[in-house]
Amino acid sequence: MAAEKKHVKKHAAASSASTASSGKTLKKEEGHFEQWKEVNNFIAEMVNKNGFTEAELKATFKQVRYTETARQLMRPAPAGKPKNWKAYRARFVEPYRIENGIAFWDKYANELARAEQQYGVPAEIIVGLIGVETIFGKQTGGFRVMDALTTLAFDYPDTPNRDARMEFFRAELENMLLMARESSLDPFVFKGSYAGAIGWPQFMPGSIRKYAVDFDGDGKINLTDSPVDAIGSVAHYLAEHGWKRNLPVAFPATLIVSDKSEALTTALGKGLTASYQLQDLKAIATTASSEAPANIPYGLVDLQNGNEATEYWLATENFFAITLYNRSYFYAMSVYDLGRTIAAARGK
């Protein structure tokens, strides 16, 4: 899920050591987060803002382990390798996920139908998203969330967006501590991805607090052990991020202009929005589908295929709602394709 980009003061410990509030220099690999100056500033903010005690937070951060693996996995991929939609798609729309998707849909058909009725999000989109995220709960991550979030909040890799990313992870660390307090659970029981995402749908702590729902009616929200809660929470998240009931997602398009044209560059530069009417796009790209409504907005999406021809799609507001779960055209199209493929296989 996307970080909100605001300016924050850069963490002073970008090297292999961190200076503690006592003035002692500590190797970051040793942890000792409770002695880091920036962590102590964070603790003070949490005490003033959220009513924690300094002693309890000091004791908590004393248990946190520095996680170099999480830090390294946050480094951007080496430049120069072209994007390849077909290769990306093959990782997600593949037999194992399809087989498990059919079983998941069969088992939770009633709950998926209830989520669709309540939130307007089709079952195939919910199934596709959970399948892409965790192969239906089979890969939810083994990192202690407190370790991953603390490491990334205070020692994010040296990247151009480092300040914004550290602010994002500090906010998620705050939400993690609040969520643990609200649920009366030890914060260290939560396991997740190297980025701190939790459970079947890989929600960050802030999204759990804001969008997760008790869909199985047991009186608590549990995205790690309740696939039914995951189903309702995914549908609720998408509904809150612009999903529109009964609206299609995307239609394959044929480019009319040259791939070097200014009009194409302008259309692709609109970002994650549907801001064109179908008539407006006809001079740039068109779709052969007779099912594309003429009275809704669209955005033009390009799916690059390395050295092969780029695919173009006319995407609706529902496609862009999926990109607010993960800000990637490849991701959103994989969710859409996997869900459709599972639906078709299940229909057979």
Protein backbone atom coordinates (compact mmCIF):
# COMPACT_ATOMS: atom_id res chain seq x y z
CA MET A 1 0.00 0.00 0.00
CA ALA A 2 1.18 3.42 -0.90
CA ALA A 3 3.04 5.76 1.37
CA GLU A 4 1.88 9.31 1.89
CA LYS A 5 4.82 11.44 0.81
CA LYS A 6 5.66 14.28 3.16
CA HIS A 7 9.01 15.77 4.08
CA VAL A 8 10.63 14.59 7.27
CA LYS A 9 14.05 15.12 8.78
CA LYS A 10 16.52 12.56 7.43
CA HIS A 11 17.61 9.91 9.88
CA ALA A 12 21.14 10.71 10.98
CA ALA A 13 22.34 7.11 10.95
CA ALA A 14 22.72 6.34 7.26
CA SER A 15 26.08 4.63 7.84
CA SER A 16 26.76 1.32 9.55
CA ALA A 17 26.50 2.87 13.01
CA SER A 18 23.84 4.72 14.98
CA THR A 19 24.42 7.31 17.69
CA ALA A 20 22.44 6.71 20.84
CA SER A 21 20.99 9.40 23.05
CA SER A 22 23.78 8.71 25.54
CA GLY A 23 26.36 9.60 22.89
CA LYS A 24 27.63 6.04 22.59
CA THR A 25 28.12 4.71 19.06
CA LEU A 26 26.38 1.40 18.43
CA LYS A 27 26.66 -0.95 15.51
CA LYS A 28 23.24 -1.07 13.92
CA GLU A 29 23.37 -4.84 13.51
CA GLU A 30 23.38 -5.16 17.31
CA GLY A 31 19.95 -3.55 17.53
CA HIS A 32 19.69 -1.72 20.85
CA PHE A 33 16.90 0.38 19.39
CA GLU A 34 15.92 1.59 22.85
CA GLN A 35 19.21 3.53 22.88
CA TRP A 36 18.87 5.17 19.45
CA LYS A 37 18.29 8.91 19.66
CA GLU A 38 15.63 8.85 16.93
CA VAL A 39 13.80 5.99 18.64
CA ASN A 40 13.79 7.91 21.90
CA ASN A 41 12.32 10.92 20.11
CA PHE A 42 9.65 8.62 18.69
CA ILE A 43 8.95 7.21 22.17
CA ALA A 44 8.50 10.73 23.53
CA GLU A 45 6.03 11.51 20.76
CA MET A 46 4.08 8.32 21.47
CA VAL A 47 3.93 9.17 25.17
CA ASN A 48 2.63 12.68 24.51
CA LYS A 49 0.31 11.81 21.66
CA ASN A 50 -1.06 8.38 22.55
CA GLY A 51 -0.68 8.01 26.31
CA PHE A 52 1.94 5.26 26.37
CA THR A 53 4.46 5.26 29.19
CA GLU A 54 8.15 5.72 28.48
CA ALA A 55 9.03 2.62 30.49
CA GLU A 56 6.73 0.29 28.55
CA LEU A 57 7.96 1.53 25.17
CA LYS A 58 11.60 1.34 26.25
CA ALA A 59 10.98 -2.25 27.29
CA THR A 60 9.27 -2.96 23.95
CA PHE A 61 12.05 -1.52 21.80
CA LYS A 62 14.65 -3.38 23.85
CA GLN A 63 13.13 -6.58 22.39
CA VAL A 64 13.19 -5.38 18.77
CA ARG A 65 15.78 -7.00 16.49
CA TYR A 66 17.44 -5.12 13.65
CA THR A 67 16.45 -6.84 10.39
CA GLU A 68 18.99 -6.36 7.64
CA THR A 69 17.07 -8.63 5.26
CA ALA A 70 14.06 -6.30 5.32
CA ARG A 71 16.33 -3.34 4.65
CA GLN A 72 18.03 -5.02 1.70
CA LEU A 73 14.74 -6.14 0.17
CA MET A 74 13.63 -2.51 0.14
CA ARG A 75 16.45 -1.53 -2.18
CA PRO A 76 15.25 -0.74 -5.72
CA ALA A 77 15.96 -3.21 -8.49
CA PRO A 78 19.06 -2.48 -10.59
CA ALA A 79 18.40 0.01 -13.38
CA GLY A 80 18.46 -0.98 -17.00
CA LYS A 81 16.31 -4.12 -17.07
CA PRO A 82 13.17 -3.41 -19.12
CA LYS A 83 9.74 -4.06 -17.62
CA ASN A 84 8.10 -7.23 -18.87
CA TRP A 85 4.39 -7.67 -18.31
CA LYS A 86 4.25 -11.24 -19.68
CA ALA A 87 6.99 -12.38 -17.30
CA TYR A 88 5.31 -10.62 -14.36
CA ARG A 89 1.90 -12.11 -15.20
CA ALA A 90 3.34 -15.62 -15.43
CA ARG A 91 4.38 -15.43 -11.76
CA PHE A 92 0.77 -14.94 -10.65
CA VAL A 93 -1.58 -16.35 -13.25
CA GLU A 94 -0.27 -19.89 -13.03
CA PRO A 95 -1.66 -23.36 -12.28
CA TYR A 96 -0.92 -23.50 -8.54
CA ARG A 97 -2.71 -20.24 -7.78
CA ILE A 98 -5.58 -21.15 -10.08
CA GLU A 99 -6.04 -24.56 -8.41
CA ASN A 100 -5.94 -23.04 -4.92
CA GLY A 101 -8.21 -20.21 -6.06
CA ILE A 102 -10.90 -22.63 -7.18
CA ALA A 103 -10.74 -24.42 -3.81
CA PHE A 104 -10.85 -21.11 -1.92
CA TRP A 105 -13.84 -19.87 -3.93
CA ASP A 106 -15.72 -23.15 -3.50
CA LYS A 107 -15.12 -23.12 0.25
CA TYR A 108 -16.06 -19.47 0.82
CA ALA A 109 -18.64 -18.97 -1.94
CA ASN A 110 -21.29 -17.71 0.47
CA GLU A 111 -18.97 -15.25 2.16
CA LEU A 112 -17.70 -13.96 -1.20
CA ALA A 113 -21.28 -13.49 -2.38
CA ARG A 114 -22.10 -11.64 0.84
CA ALA A 115 -19.10 -9.34 0.42
CA GLU A 116 -20.09 -8.63 -3.18
CA GLN A 117 -23.64 -7.82 -2.13
CA GLN A 118 -22.52 -5.58 0.76
CA TYR A 119 -19.62 -3.73 -0.86
CA GLY A 120 -20.20 -4.13 -4.59
CA VAL A 121 -16.82 -5.78 -5.25
CA PRO A 122 -17.12 -8.95 -7.39
CA ALA A 123 -15.94 -12.25 -5.94
CA GLU A 124 -13.38 -12.68 -8.72
CA ILE A 125 -11.61 -9.45 -7.74
CA ILE A 126 -11.47 -10.43 -4.05
CA VAL A 127 -10.23 -13.91 -4.98
CA GLY A 128 -7.69 -12.52 -7.45
CA LEU A 129 -6.27 -10.08 -4.93
CA ILE A 130 -5.87 -12.58 -2.09
CA GLY A 131 -4.37 -15.03 -4.57
CA VAL A 132 -1.79 -12.54 -5.80
CA GLU A 133 -0.96 -11.37 -2.28
CA THR A 134 -0.49 -14.65 -0.39
CA ILE A 135 -1.65 -17.62 -2.53
CA PHE A 136 -4.73 -17.79 -0.32
CA GLY A 137 -2.94 -17.60 2.99
CA LYS A 138 -0.02 -19.89 2.13
CA GLN A 139 2.62 -17.13 2.07
CA THR A 140 1.81 -14.47 4.67
CA GLY A 141 5.41 -13.79 5.74
CA GLY A 142 7.59 -14.85 8.64
CA PHE A 143 9.08 -11.54 9.78
CA ARG A 144 8.17 -10.13 13.17
CA VAL A 145 6.31 -7.00 12.16
CA MET A 146 7.81 -4.93 14.97
CA ASP A 147 11.33 -5.83 13.77
CA ALA A 148 10.64 -4.99 10.14
CA LEU A 149 8.79 -1.74 10.81
CA THR A 150 11.32 -0.44 13.33
CA THR A 151 14.27 -1.21 11.06
CA LEU A 152 12.65 0.52 8.08
CA ALA A 153 11.35 3.44 10.16
CA PHE A 154 14.79 4.35 11.45
CA ASP A 155 17.31 2.92 8.97
CA TYR A 156 15.67 2.78 5.55
CA PRO A 157 18.11 2.26 2.64
CA ASP A 158 19.67 5.34 1.07
CA THR A 159 17.23 5.96 -1.80
CA PRO A 160 15.84 9.18 -3.33
CA ASN A 161 12.55 8.74 -1.45
CA ARG A 162 14.15 7.74 1.86
CA ASP A 163 12.62 10.56 3.90
CA ALA A 164 9.08 9.84 2.73
CA ARG A 165 9.47 6.11 3.21
CA MET A 166 10.81 6.47 6.74
CA GLU A 167 7.90 8.73 7.61
CA PHE A 168 5.51 6.13 6.22
CA PHE A 169 7.07 3.32 8.27
CA ARG A 170 7.13 5.43 11.43
CA ALA A 171 3.41 6.01 10.98
CA GLU A 172 2.90 2.27 10.50
CA LEU A 173 5.00 1.55 13.59
CA GLU A 174 2.74 3.91 15.54
CA ASN A 175 -0.31 2.07 14.17
CA MET A 176 1.26 -1.29 15.05
CA LEU A 177 1.69 -0.27 18.68
CA LEU A 178 -1.82 1.19 18.84
CA MET A 179 -3.31 -1.93 17.23
CA ALA A 180 -1.55 -4.18 19.72
CA ARG A 181 -2.82 -2.07 22.61
CA GLU A 182 -6.37 -1.97 21.24
CA SER A 183 -6.45 -5.74 20.80
CA SER A 184 -4.66 -6.42 24.13
CA LEU A 185 -2.00 -8.44 22.30
CA ASP A 186 1.76 -8.53 22.52
CA PRO A 187 3.02 -6.57 19.48
CA PHE A 188 5.60 -9.29 18.86
CA VAL A 189 2.99 -11.94 18.05
CA PHE A 190 2.29 -10.28 14.71
CA LYS A 191 4.16 -11.85 11.76
CA GLY A 192 4.15 -10.55 8.22
CA SER A 193 6.14 -9.53 5.18
CA TYR A 194 9.52 -7.79 5.18
CA ALA A 195 7.58 -4.51 4.81
CA GLY A 196 5.31 -5.23 7.78
CA ALA A 197 2.18 -6.31 5.86
CA ILE A 198 -0.02 -8.74 7.78
CA GLY A 199 -2.27 -11.69 7.06
CA TRP A 200 -4.11 -13.15 4.08
CA PRO A 201 -4.63 -9.78 2.37
CA GLN A 202 -1.28 -8.26 3.51
CA PHE A 203 -2.72 -5.17 5.16
CA MET A 204 -0.37 -2.70 6.79
CA PRO A 205 -1.24 -1.93 10.45
CA GLY A 206 -2.76 1.44 9.52
CA SER A 207 -5.04 -0.19 6.98
CA ILE A 208 -6.06 -2.86 9.48
CA ARG A 209 -7.11 -0.18 11.95
CA LYS A 210 -8.98 1.80 9.30
CA TYR A 211 -10.39 -0.72 6.81
CA ALA A 212 -10.35 -4.24 8.26
CA VAL A 213 -13.73 -5.63 9.32
CA ASP A 214 -15.01 -8.46 11.49
CA PHE A 215 -16.72 -10.27 8.63
CA ASP A 216 -17.07 -13.65 10.37
CA GLY A 217 -18.93 -12.08 13.31
CA ASP A 218 -16.75 -13.53 16.08
CA GLY A 219 -16.25 -10.15 17.75
CA LYS A 220 -12.67 -9.57 16.64
CA ILE A 221 -10.69 -8.80 13.49
CA ASN A 222 -8.09 -11.41 12.58
CA LEU A 223 -6.56 -11.22 9.13
CA THR A 224 -3.98 -13.88 9.95
CA ASP A 225 -6.33 -16.72 10.89
CA SER A 226 -9.71 -15.69 9.44
CA PRO A 227 -9.99 -15.85 5.64
CA VAL A 228 -13.57 -14.61 6.06
CA ASP A 229 -12.34 -11.43 7.75
CA ALA A 230 -9.85 -11.11 4.88
CA ILE A 231 -12.64 -11.39 2.30
CA GLY A 232 -14.73 -8.66 3.91
CA SER A 233 -11.71 -6.44 4.57
CA VAL A 234 -10.48 -6.54 0.97
CA ALA A 235 -13.95 -5.67 -0.30
CA HIS A 236 -14.31 -2.85 2.23
CA TYR A 237 -10.86 -1.45 1.36
CA LEU A 238 -11.62 -1.35 -2.36
CA ALA A 239 -15.07 0.15 -1.77
CA GLU A 240 -13.49 2.89 0.34
CA HIS A 241 -10.92 3.56 -2.39
CA GLY A 242 -13.28 4.23 -5.24
CA TRP A 243 -14.63 0.86 -6.37
CA LYS A 244 -17.97 1.33 -8.11
CA ARG A 245 -20.63 -1.37 -8.14
CA ASN A 246 -21.34 -2.98 -11.55
CA LEU A 247 -18.59 -1.02 -13.32
CA PRO A 248 -16.26 -3.05 -15.58
CA VAL A 249 -12.49 -3.01 -15.02
CA ALA A 250 -10.59 -2.77 -18.32
CA PHE A 251 -10.74 -3.44 -22.05
CA PRO A 252 -7.87 -4.31 -24.41
CA ALA A 253 -7.03 -1.44 -26.73
CA THR A 254 -5.33 -0.92 -30.07
CA LEU A 255 -3.07 2.08 -30.47
CA ILE A 256 -4.10 4.49 -33.24
CA VAL A 257 -1.21 6.96 -33.03
CA SER A 258 2.53 6.33 -33.13
CA ASP A 259 4.05 5.09 -29.89
CA LYS A 260 6.24 8.20 -30.01
CA SER A 261 3.35 10.67 -30.33
CA GLU A 262 2.85 13.55 -27.93
CA ALA A 263 -0.85 12.69 -27.54
CA LEU A 264 0.07 9.20 -26.30
CA THR A 265 2.64 10.60 -23.87
CA THR A 266 0.04 13.01 -22.50
CA ALA A 267 -2.58 10.28 -22.07
CA LEU A 268 -0.17 7.94 -20.32
CA GLY A 269 1.02 10.77 -18.11
CA LYS A 270 -2.35 11.20 -16.40
CA GLY A 271 -1.29 8.71 -13.72
CA LEU A 272 -3.64 6.55 -11.69
CA THR A 273 -6.83 8.25 -12.81
CA ALA A 274 -9.64 7.72 -15.30
CA SER A 275 -9.95 11.18 -16.82
CA TYR A 276 -10.95 10.63 -20.48
CA GLN A 277 -14.27 9.87 -22.10
CA LEU A 278 -14.26 7.04 -24.62
CA GLN A 279 -14.83 9.49 -27.45
CA ASP A 280 -11.79 11.52 -26.39
CA LEU A 281 -9.52 8.49 -26.55
CA LYS A 282 -10.60 7.30 -30.00
CA ALA A 283 -7.95 9.43 -31.66
CA ILE A 284 -5.26 7.74 -29.54
CA ALA A 285 -6.46 4.20 -28.84
CA THR A 286 -9.62 2.22 -29.39
CA THR A 287 -11.11 -1.02 -28.15
CA ALA A 288 -12.85 -3.66 -30.21
CA SER A 289 -15.02 -4.61 -27.25
CA SER A 290 -18.68 -3.77 -27.67
CA GLU A 291 -19.07 -3.99 -23.90
CA ALA A 292 -17.12 -0.81 -23.15
CA PRO A 293 -19.65 1.78 -21.89
CA ALA A 294 -19.46 5.14 -23.62
CA ASN A 295 -20.61 7.20 -20.64
CA ILE A 296 -17.86 6.46 -18.08
CA PRO A 297 -14.32 7.81 -17.68
CA TYR A 298 -11.25 5.83 -18.75
CA GLY A 299 -7.50 6.01 -18.40
CA LEU A 300 -4.97 4.64 -20.86
CA VAL A 301 -2.69 1.95 -19.40
CA ASP A 302 0.51 0.63 -20.98
CA LEU A 303 1.88 -2.80 -20.07
CA GLN A 304 5.43 -2.94 -21.37
CA ASN A 305 6.76 -6.27 -22.61
CA GLY A 306 10.50 -5.82 -22.71
CA ASN A 307 11.63 -5.88 -26.32
CA GLU A 308 8.22 -7.03 -27.52
CA ALA A 309 5.22 -4.84 -28.32
CA THR A 310 3.59 -2.98 -25.44
CA GLU A 311 0.00 -3.90 -24.53
CA TYR A 312 -2.49 -1.06 -24.14
CA TRP A 313 -5.72 -1.13 -22.13
CA LEU A 314 -8.59 1.24 -21.48
CA ALA A 315 -8.98 1.16 -17.72
CA THR A 316 -11.97 2.29 -15.67
CA GLU A 317 -12.13 3.75 -12.17
CA ASN A 318 -12.31 0.20 -10.79
CA PHE A 319 -8.93 -0.68 -12.29
CA PHE A 320 -7.45 2.37 -10.62
CA ALA A 321 -9.10 1.43 -7.32
CA ILE A 322 -6.98 -1.74 -7.38
CA THR A 323 -3.84 0.35 -7.97
CA LEU A 324 -4.55 2.11 -4.67
CA TYR A 325 -3.94 -1.27 -3.01
CA ASN A 326 -0.60 -1.48 -4.80
CA ARG A 327 0.45 1.38 -7.08
CA SER A 328 1.33 -0.74 -10.09
CA TYR A 329 -0.42 -1.37 -13.40
CA PHE A 330 1.16 -4.83 -13.49
CA TYR A 331 -0.24 -5.61 -10.04
CA ALA A 332 -3.76 -4.44 -10.82
CA MET A 333 -3.88 -6.34 -14.10
CA SER A 334 -2.58 -9.50 -12.41
CA VAL A 335 -5.36 -9.30 -9.82
CA TYR A 336 -7.90 -8.82 -12.60
CA ASP A 337 -6.48 -11.60 -14.79
CA LEU A 338 -6.06 -14.14 -11.99
CA GLY A 339 -9.60 -13.56 -10.76
CA ARG A 340 -11.06 -13.92 -14.25
CA THR A 341 -9.01 -17.03 -14.94
CA ILE A 342 -10.12 -18.69 -11.70
CA ALA A 343 -13.74 -17.79 -12.42
CA ALA A 344 -13.50 -19.33 -15.89
CA ALA A 345 -11.77 -22.48 -14.62
CA ARG A 346 -14.31 -22.85 -11.82
CA GLY A 347 -17.14 -22.44 -14.33
CA LYS A 348 -15.84 -25.39 -16.32
